[in-house]
């Protein structure tokens, strides 16, 4: 979008940070409501204008793209959030077998 001129670089960077601020609100809630070590990561970083590059291109040998974001936190549950989950949230047509199959396909079982 930047390379085509649809979005200017300042708008792209601001959108990137808006996305991070949005996600960090959920991460903050998680960190306040879990006991133990939490790892925060992503599959890769993105270039934000370094060497006039944007996004994540394969085989680019600079840190902004090849470094994987990684943060470790030791957390104590402060019980600041209680999820509102009840039987009404469960799908009527979903069986235990369906759930187990989904978990297997995702690699959890």
C-alpha atoms as a PDB file:
ATOM      1  CA  UNK A   1       0.000   0.000   0.000  1.00  0.00           C
ATOM      2  CA  UNK A   2       2.873   2.357   0.729  1.00  0.00           C
ATOM      3  CA  UNK A   3       4.782   1.352  -2.368  1.00  0.00           C
ATOM      4  CA  UNK A   4       1.681   1.927  -4.514  1.00  0.00           C
ATOM      5  CA  UNK A   5       1.022   5.291  -2.861  1.00  0.00           C
ATOM      6  CA  UNK A   6      -2.363   4.273  -1.411  1.00  0.00           C
ATOM      7  CA  UNK A   7      -1.120   5.056   2.118  1.00  0.00           C
ATOM      8  CA  UNK A   8       1.717   7.357   3.116  1.00  0.00           C
ATOM      9  CA  UNK A   9       4.435   6.170   5.480  1.00  0.00           C
ATOM     10  CA  UNK A  10       3.228   8.212   8.456  1.00  0.00           C
ATOM     11  CA  UNK A  11      -0.270   6.702   8.141  1.00  0.00           C
ATOM     12  CA  UNK A  12       1.174   3.204   7.886  1.00  0.00           C
ATOM     13  CA  UNK A  13       3.344   3.621  10.964  1.00  0.00           C
ATOM     14  CA  UNK A  14       0.447   5.120  12.935  1.00  0.00           C
ATOM     15  CA  UNK A  15      -1.815   2.211  11.885  1.00  0.00           C
ATOM     16  CA  UNK A  16       0.882  -0.246  12.981  1.00  0.00           C
ATOM     17  CA  UNK A  17       1.078   1.399  16.414  1.00  0.00           C
ATOM     18  CA  UNK A  18      -2.722   1.624  16.668  1.00  0.00           C
ATOM     19  CA  UNK A  19      -2.831  -2.128  16.144  1.00  0.00           C
ATOM     20  CA  UNK A  20      -0.200  -2.684  18.838  1.00  0.00           C
ATOM     21  CA  UNK A  21      -2.054  -0.442  21.303  1.00  0.00           C
ATOM     22  CA  UNK A  22      -5.268  -2.365  20.607  1.00  0.00           C
ATOM     23  CA  UNK A  23      -3.622  -5.759  21.160  1.00  0.00           C
ATOM     24  CA  UNK A  24      -1.682  -4.604  24.220  1.00  0.00           C
ATOM     25  CA  UNK A  25      -4.953  -3.848  26.039  1.00  0.00           C
ATOM     26  CA  UNK A  26      -5.791  -7.568  25.782  1.00  0.00           C
ATOM     27  CA  UNK A  27      -2.226  -8.568  26.683  1.00  0.00           C
ATOM     28  CA  UNK A  28      -2.419  -6.328  29.763  1.00  0.00           C
ATOM     29  CA  UNK A  29      -5.612  -8.100  30.841  1.00  0.00           C
ATOM     30  CA  UNK A  30      -3.926 -11.467  30.323  1.00  0.00           C
ATOM     31  CA  UNK A  31      -0.834 -10.478  32.315  1.00  0.00           C
ATOM     32  CA  UNK A  32      -3.010  -9.317  35.228  1.00  0.00           C
ATOM     33  CA  UNK A  33      -4.990 -12.559  35.282  1.00  0.00           C
ATOM     34  CA  UNK A  34      -2.518 -15.427  35.098  1.00  0.00           C
ATOM     35  CA  UNK A  35       0.021 -16.939  37.466  1.00  0.00           C
ATOM     36  CA  UNK A  36       3.407 -17.867  36.069  1.00  0.00           C
ATOM     37  CA  UNK A  37       5.731 -16.920  33.252  1.00  0.00           C
ATOM     38  CA  UNK A  38       4.160 -15.538  30.083  1.00  0.00           C
ATOM     39  CA  UNK A  39       5.997 -15.340  26.768  1.00  0.00           C
ATOM     40  CA  UNK A  40       4.822 -12.710  24.296  1.00  0.00           C
ATOM     41  CA  UNK A  41       6.027 -13.268  20.751  1.00  0.00           C
ATOM     42  CA  UNK A  42       5.122 -13.150  17.084  1.00  0.00           C
ATOM     43  CA  UNK A  43       6.170 -15.003  13.965  1.00  0.00           C
ATOM     44  CA  UNK A  44       8.405 -12.137  12.783  1.00  0.00           C
ATOM     45  CA  UNK A  45       8.930  -8.414  12.902  1.00  0.00           C
ATOM     46  CA  UNK A  46       8.229  -5.926  10.128  1.00  0.00           C
ATOM     47  CA  UNK A  47      10.286  -3.236   8.467  1.00  0.00           C
ATOM     48  CA  UNK A  48       8.818   0.222   8.999  1.00  0.00           C
ATOM     49  CA  UNK A  49      10.703   2.215   6.425  1.00  0.00           C
ATOM     50  CA  UNK A  50      14.243   1.053   7.164  1.00  0.00           C
ATOM     51  CA  UNK A  51      16.221   1.096   3.916  1.00  0.00           C
ATOM     52  CA  UNK A  52      12.959   2.181   2.278  1.00  0.00           C
ATOM     53  CA  UNK A  53      11.447  -1.252   2.969  1.00  0.00           C
ATOM     54  CA  UNK A  54       8.040  -2.030   4.431  1.00  0.00           C
ATOM     55  CA  UNK A  55       6.568  -5.226   5.807  1.00  0.00           C
ATOM     56  CA  UNK A  56       8.267  -8.591   5.824  1.00  0.00           C
ATOM     57  CA  UNK A  57      10.134  -9.729   2.756  1.00  0.00           C
ATOM     58  CA  UNK A  58      11.925 -13.047   2.563  1.00  0.00           C
ATOM     59  CA  UNK A  59      15.712 -13.154   2.533  1.00  0.00           C
ATOM     60  CA  UNK A  60      16.237  -9.588   3.692  1.00  0.00           C
ATOM     61  CA  UNK A  61      19.333  -9.565   5.924  1.00  0.00           C
ATOM     62  CA  UNK A  62      18.500  -6.847   8.404  1.00  0.00           C
ATOM     63  CA  UNK A  63      17.391  -6.998  11.995  1.00  0.00           C
ATOM     64  CA  UNK A  64      14.021  -5.254  11.657  1.00  0.00           C
ATOM     65  CA  UNK A  65      12.709  -8.154   9.578  1.00  0.00           C
ATOM     66  CA  UNK A  66      14.581 -11.230  10.769  1.00  0.00           C
ATOM     67  CA  UNK A  67      14.342 -10.639  14.528  1.00  0.00           C
ATOM     68  CA  UNK A  68      11.419 -12.350  16.245  1.00  0.00           C
ATOM     69  CA  UNK A  69       9.754 -10.174  18.907  1.00  0.00           C
ATOM     70  CA  UNK A  70      10.118 -11.834  22.329  1.00  0.00           C
ATOM     71  CA  UNK A  71       9.208 -10.713  25.836  1.00  0.00           C
ATOM     72  CA  UNK A  72       9.030 -12.713  29.067  1.00  0.00           C
ATOM     73  CA  UNK A  73       6.990 -11.693  32.099  1.00  0.00           C
ATOM     74  CA  UNK A  74       6.553 -13.328  35.497  1.00  0.00           C
ATOM     75  CA  UNK A  75       2.924 -12.734  36.396  1.00  0.00           C
ATOM     76  CA  UNK A  76       0.732 -12.935  39.472  1.00  0.00           C
ATOM     77  CA  UNK A  77      -3.026 -13.252  39.047  1.00  0.00           C
ATOM     78  CA  UNK A  78      -4.636 -10.053  40.378  1.00  0.00           C
ATOM     79  CA  UNK A  79      -8.109 -11.297  39.384  1.00  0.00           C
ATOM     80  CA  UNK A  80      -8.965  -8.078  37.538  1.00  0.00           C
ATOM     81  CA  UNK A  81     -11.028  -9.891  34.901  1.00  0.00           C
ATOM     82  CA  UNK A  82     -13.664 -12.580  35.139  1.00  0.00           C
ATOM     83  CA  UNK A  83     -14.765 -13.892  31.742  1.00  0.00           C
ATOM     84  CA  UNK A  84     -18.490 -14.075  31.149  1.00  0.00           C
ATOM     85  CA  UNK A  85     -18.768 -17.596  29.815  1.00  0.00           C
ATOM     86  CA  UNK A  86     -21.810 -19.722  30.301  1.00  0.00           C
ATOM     87  CA  UNK A  87     -23.684 -22.608  28.828  1.00  0.00           C
ATOM     88  CA  UNK A  88     -25.459 -20.201  26.475  1.00  0.00           C
ATOM     89  CA  UNK A  89     -22.101 -19.594  24.763  1.00  0.00           C
ATOM     90  CA  UNK A  90     -21.745 -23.241  23.763  1.00  0.00           C
ATOM     91  CA  UNK A  91     -22.984 -24.372  20.382  1.00  0.00           C
ATOM     92  CA  UNK A  92     -25.909 -26.769  20.651  1.00  0.00           C
ATOM     93  CA  UNK A  93     -24.780 -28.847  17.679  1.00  0.00           C
ATOM     94  CA  UNK A  94     -21.184 -29.307  18.826  1.00  0.00           C
ATOM     95  CA  UNK A  95     -20.236 -32.608  20.447  1.00  0.00           C
ATOM     96  CA  UNK A  96     -17.257 -33.504  22.602  1.00  0.00           C
ATOM     97  CA  UNK A  97     -15.961 -35.472  19.633  1.00  0.00           C
ATOM     98  CA  UNK A  98     -16.172 -32.334  17.437  1.00  0.00           C
ATOM     99  CA  UNK A  99     -14.224 -30.345  20.006  1.00  0.00           C
ATOM    100  CA  UNK A 100     -11.576 -33.048  20.401  1.00  0.00           C
ATOM    101  CA  UNK A 101     -11.190 -33.308  16.621  1.00  0.00           C
ATOM    102  CA  UNK A 102     -10.681 -29.553  16.343  1.00  0.00           C
ATOM    103  CA  UNK A 103      -8.099 -29.631  19.140  1.00  0.00           C
ATOM    104  CA  UNK A 104      -6.315 -32.559  17.429  1.00  0.00           C
ATOM    105  CA  UNK A 105      -6.204 -30.725  14.106  1.00  0.00           C
ATOM    106  CA  UNK A 106      -4.681 -27.709  15.861  1.00  0.00           C
ATOM    107  CA  UNK A 107      -2.056 -29.916  17.502  1.00  0.00           C
ATOM    108  CA  UNK A 108      -3.305 -29.601  21.087  1.00  0.00           C
ATOM    109  CA  UNK A 109      -4.311 -33.257  21.556  1.00  0.00           C
END
